[in-house]
N, C-alpha and C. Protein backbone atom coordinates (compact mmCIF):
# COMPACT_ATOMS: atom_id res chain seq x y z
N ALA A 1 -0.13 6.37 -0.81
CA ALA A 1 -1.17 6.16 0.18
C ALA A 1 -1.28 7.34 1.15
N LEU A 2 -0.30 8.23 1.12
CA LEU A 2 -0.36 9.40 1.99
C LEU A 2 -1.20 10.49 1.34
N PRO A 3 -1.83 11.34 2.16
CA PRO A 3 -2.58 12.46 1.61
C PRO A 3 -1.65 13.38 0.78
N PRO A 4 -2.19 14.04 -0.23
CA PRO A 4 -1.37 14.87 -1.11
C PRO A 4 -0.54 15.94 -0.38
N GLN A 5 -1.13 16.60 0.61
CA GLN A 5 -0.38 17.64 1.32
C GLN A 5 0.79 17.03 2.09
N CYS A 6 0.58 15.88 2.66
CA CYS A 6 1.65 15.18 3.39
C CYS A 6 2.77 14.80 2.43
N GLN A 7 2.42 14.30 1.27
CA GLN A 7 3.41 13.95 0.26
C GLN A 7 4.23 15.17 -0.15
N LYS A 8 3.54 16.27 -0.41
CA LYS A 8 4.23 17.48 -0.86
C LYS A 8 5.19 17.99 0.21
N VAL A 9 4.74 18.02 1.46
CA VAL A 9 5.59 18.45 2.56
C VAL A 9 6.83 17.57 2.64
N PHE A 10 6.64 16.28 2.56
CA PHE A 10 7.77 15.34 2.65
C PHE A 10 8.76 15.56 1.51
N ILE A 11 8.25 15.71 0.30
CA ILE A 11 9.13 15.92 -0.87
C ILE A 11 9.91 17.22 -0.72
N LEU A 12 9.23 18.30 -0.34
CA LEU A 12 9.91 19.58 -0.18
C LEU A 12 11.00 19.50 0.89
N ASN A 13 10.71 18.82 1.98
CA ASN A 13 11.66 18.73 3.07
C ASN A 13 12.79 17.75 2.79
N ARG A 14 12.48 16.54 2.40
CA ARG A 14 13.48 15.50 2.30
C ARG A 14 14.20 15.45 0.96
N PHE A 15 13.52 15.77 -0.13
CA PHE A 15 14.13 15.67 -1.45
C PHE A 15 14.64 17.01 -1.97
N GLU A 16 13.97 18.09 -1.59
CA GLU A 16 14.42 19.40 -2.04
C GLU A 16 15.23 20.12 -0.97
N GLY A 17 15.33 19.51 0.21
CA GLY A 17 16.20 20.03 1.27
C GLY A 17 15.73 21.28 1.96
N LYS A 18 14.45 21.58 1.87
CA LYS A 18 13.94 22.79 2.53
C LYS A 18 13.70 22.53 4.01
N LYS A 19 13.98 23.55 4.80
CA LYS A 19 13.77 23.46 6.23
C LYS A 19 12.28 23.59 6.54
N TYR A 20 11.90 23.16 7.75
CA TYR A 20 10.48 23.19 8.13
C TYR A 20 9.86 24.56 7.93
N HIS A 21 10.56 25.61 8.36
CA HIS A 21 9.98 26.95 8.25
C HIS A 21 9.86 27.38 6.79
N GLU A 22 10.74 26.92 5.92
CA GLU A 22 10.64 27.24 4.49
C GLU A 22 9.44 26.55 3.86
N VAL A 23 9.24 25.28 4.21
CA VAL A 23 8.08 24.54 3.71
C VAL A 23 6.80 25.18 4.23
N ALA A 24 6.81 25.53 5.50
CA ALA A 24 5.63 26.15 6.12
C ALA A 24 5.27 27.46 5.41
N ASP A 25 6.26 28.29 5.13
CA ASP A 25 6.01 29.56 4.44
C ASP A 25 5.48 29.31 3.03
N GLU A 26 6.10 28.37 2.33
CA GLU A 26 5.69 28.08 0.94
C GLU A 26 4.27 27.54 0.86
N MET A 27 3.89 26.70 1.83
CA MET A 27 2.57 26.06 1.77
C MET A 27 1.53 26.76 2.64
N ASN A 28 1.95 27.84 3.30
CA ASN A 28 1.05 28.60 4.16
C ASN A 28 0.44 27.74 5.27
N ILE A 29 1.30 26.97 5.93
CA ILE A 29 0.92 26.16 7.08
C ILE A 29 1.93 26.40 8.18
N SER A 30 1.66 25.93 9.38
CA SER A 30 2.59 26.16 10.49
C SER A 30 3.75 25.16 10.44
N PRO A 31 4.89 25.56 11.01
CA PRO A 31 6.02 24.63 11.09
C PRO A 31 5.67 23.35 11.85
N ARG A 32 4.78 23.44 12.84
CA ARG A 32 4.35 22.24 13.58
C ARG A 32 3.57 21.29 12.68
N THR A 33 2.79 21.84 11.75
CA THR A 33 2.06 21.01 10.80
C THR A 33 3.04 20.32 9.87
N VAL A 34 4.07 21.04 9.44
CA VAL A 34 5.12 20.45 8.61
C VAL A 34 5.76 19.29 9.36
N GLU A 35 6.12 19.52 10.60
CA GLU A 35 6.72 18.47 11.42
C GLU A 35 5.81 17.25 11.53
N SER A 36 4.53 17.49 11.71
CA SER A 36 3.56 16.40 11.82
C SER A 36 3.49 15.59 10.53
N HIS A 37 3.45 16.29 9.40
CA HIS A 37 3.38 15.61 8.11
C HIS A 37 4.65 14.77 7.86
N VAL A 38 5.80 15.32 8.17
CA VAL A 38 7.06 14.59 7.97
C VAL A 38 7.09 13.35 8.86
N ARG A 39 6.67 13.51 10.10
CA ARG A 39 6.63 12.37 11.02
C ARG A 39 5.69 11.28 10.51
N ARG A 40 4.52 11.69 10.02
CA ARG A 40 3.55 10.73 9.49
C ARG A 40 4.13 9.99 8.28
N ALA A 41 4.78 10.71 7.38
CA ALA A 41 5.36 10.10 6.19
C ALA A 41 6.46 9.12 6.55
N LEU A 42 7.32 9.49 7.48
CA LEU A 42 8.41 8.59 7.90
C LEU A 42 7.87 7.33 8.56
N THR A 43 6.86 7.47 9.38
CA THR A 43 6.25 6.31 10.03
C THR A 43 5.66 5.38 8.99
N TYR A 44 4.97 5.95 8.01
CA TYR A 44 4.39 5.15 6.94
C TYR A 44 5.47 4.42 6.15
N LEU A 45 6.52 5.13 5.78
CA LEU A 45 7.60 4.51 4.99
C LEU A 45 8.30 3.40 5.77
N ARG A 46 8.55 3.63 7.05
CA ARG A 46 9.18 2.58 7.87
C ARG A 46 8.32 1.32 7.90
N THR A 47 7.03 1.50 8.06
CA THR A 47 6.10 0.36 8.13
C THR A 47 6.08 -0.39 6.81
N VAL A 48 5.95 0.33 5.71
CA VAL A 48 5.89 -0.31 4.39
C VAL A 48 7.20 -1.02 4.08
N LEU A 49 8.31 -0.36 4.31
CA LEU A 49 9.61 -0.98 4.02
C LEU A 49 9.87 -2.18 4.91
N HIS A 50 9.48 -2.10 6.16
CA HIS A 50 9.66 -3.22 7.07
C HIS A 50 8.83 -4.42 6.62
N ASN A 51 7.57 -4.17 6.25
CA ASN A 51 6.70 -5.25 5.79
C ASN A 51 7.23 -5.87 4.50
N ASP A 52 7.71 -5.06 3.57
CA ASP A 52 8.29 -5.58 2.33
C ASP A 52 9.52 -6.43 2.61
N TYR A 53 10.36 -5.97 3.55
CA TYR A 53 11.56 -6.72 3.92
C TYR A 53 11.17 -8.08 4.50
N LEU A 54 10.19 -8.08 5.41
CA LEU A 54 9.76 -9.35 6.02
C LEU A 54 9.18 -10.29 4.98
N ARG A 55 8.36 -9.76 4.08
CA ARG A 55 7.73 -10.58 3.04
C ARG A 55 8.81 -11.20 2.13
N THR A 56 9.80 -10.41 1.75
CA THR A 56 10.87 -10.90 0.89
C THR A 56 11.71 -11.96 1.61
N THR A 57 12.00 -11.73 2.87
CA THR A 57 12.80 -12.68 3.65
C THR A 57 12.08 -14.02 3.78
N VAL A 58 10.80 -13.98 4.11
CA VAL A 58 10.02 -15.22 4.25
C VAL A 58 9.95 -15.96 2.93
N THR A 59 9.74 -15.23 1.84
CA THR A 59 9.68 -15.85 0.52
C THR A 59 11.00 -16.54 0.19
N LEU A 60 12.11 -15.86 0.43
CA LEU A 60 13.42 -16.47 0.15
C LEU A 60 13.66 -17.71 1.00
N LEU A 61 13.29 -17.63 2.27
CA LEU A 61 13.47 -18.81 3.13
C LEU A 61 12.63 -19.98 2.67
N LEU A 62 11.41 -19.71 2.23
CA LEU A 62 10.55 -20.77 1.74
C LEU A 62 11.12 -21.37 0.44
N LEU A 63 11.65 -20.54 -0.41
CA LEU A 63 12.24 -21.03 -1.67
C LEU A 63 13.50 -21.86 -1.40
N LEU A 64 14.29 -21.44 -0.43
CA LEU A 64 15.51 -22.18 -0.10
C LEU A 64 15.20 -23.51 0.58
N ALA A 65 14.11 -23.55 1.30
CA ALA A 65 13.73 -24.77 2.01
C ALA A 65 13.10 -25.81 1.06
N ALA A 66 12.62 -25.35 -0.07
CA ALA A 66 11.92 -26.26 -1.00
C ALA A 66 12.87 -27.15 -1.77
């Protein structure tokens, strides 16, 4: 659900271990843009994972109560 550039920045930084300035040089963007993309991706992932956790917890509670 994230824009392609945001995904690529996140993968390069978090999975390939590149520092912000390395990602910025590789993608020809500023380090601040890299920081912004990483922040956006982390916020999105936290929200999605939190919602999935809540949905699973409620489902289990409903199944146990039945």
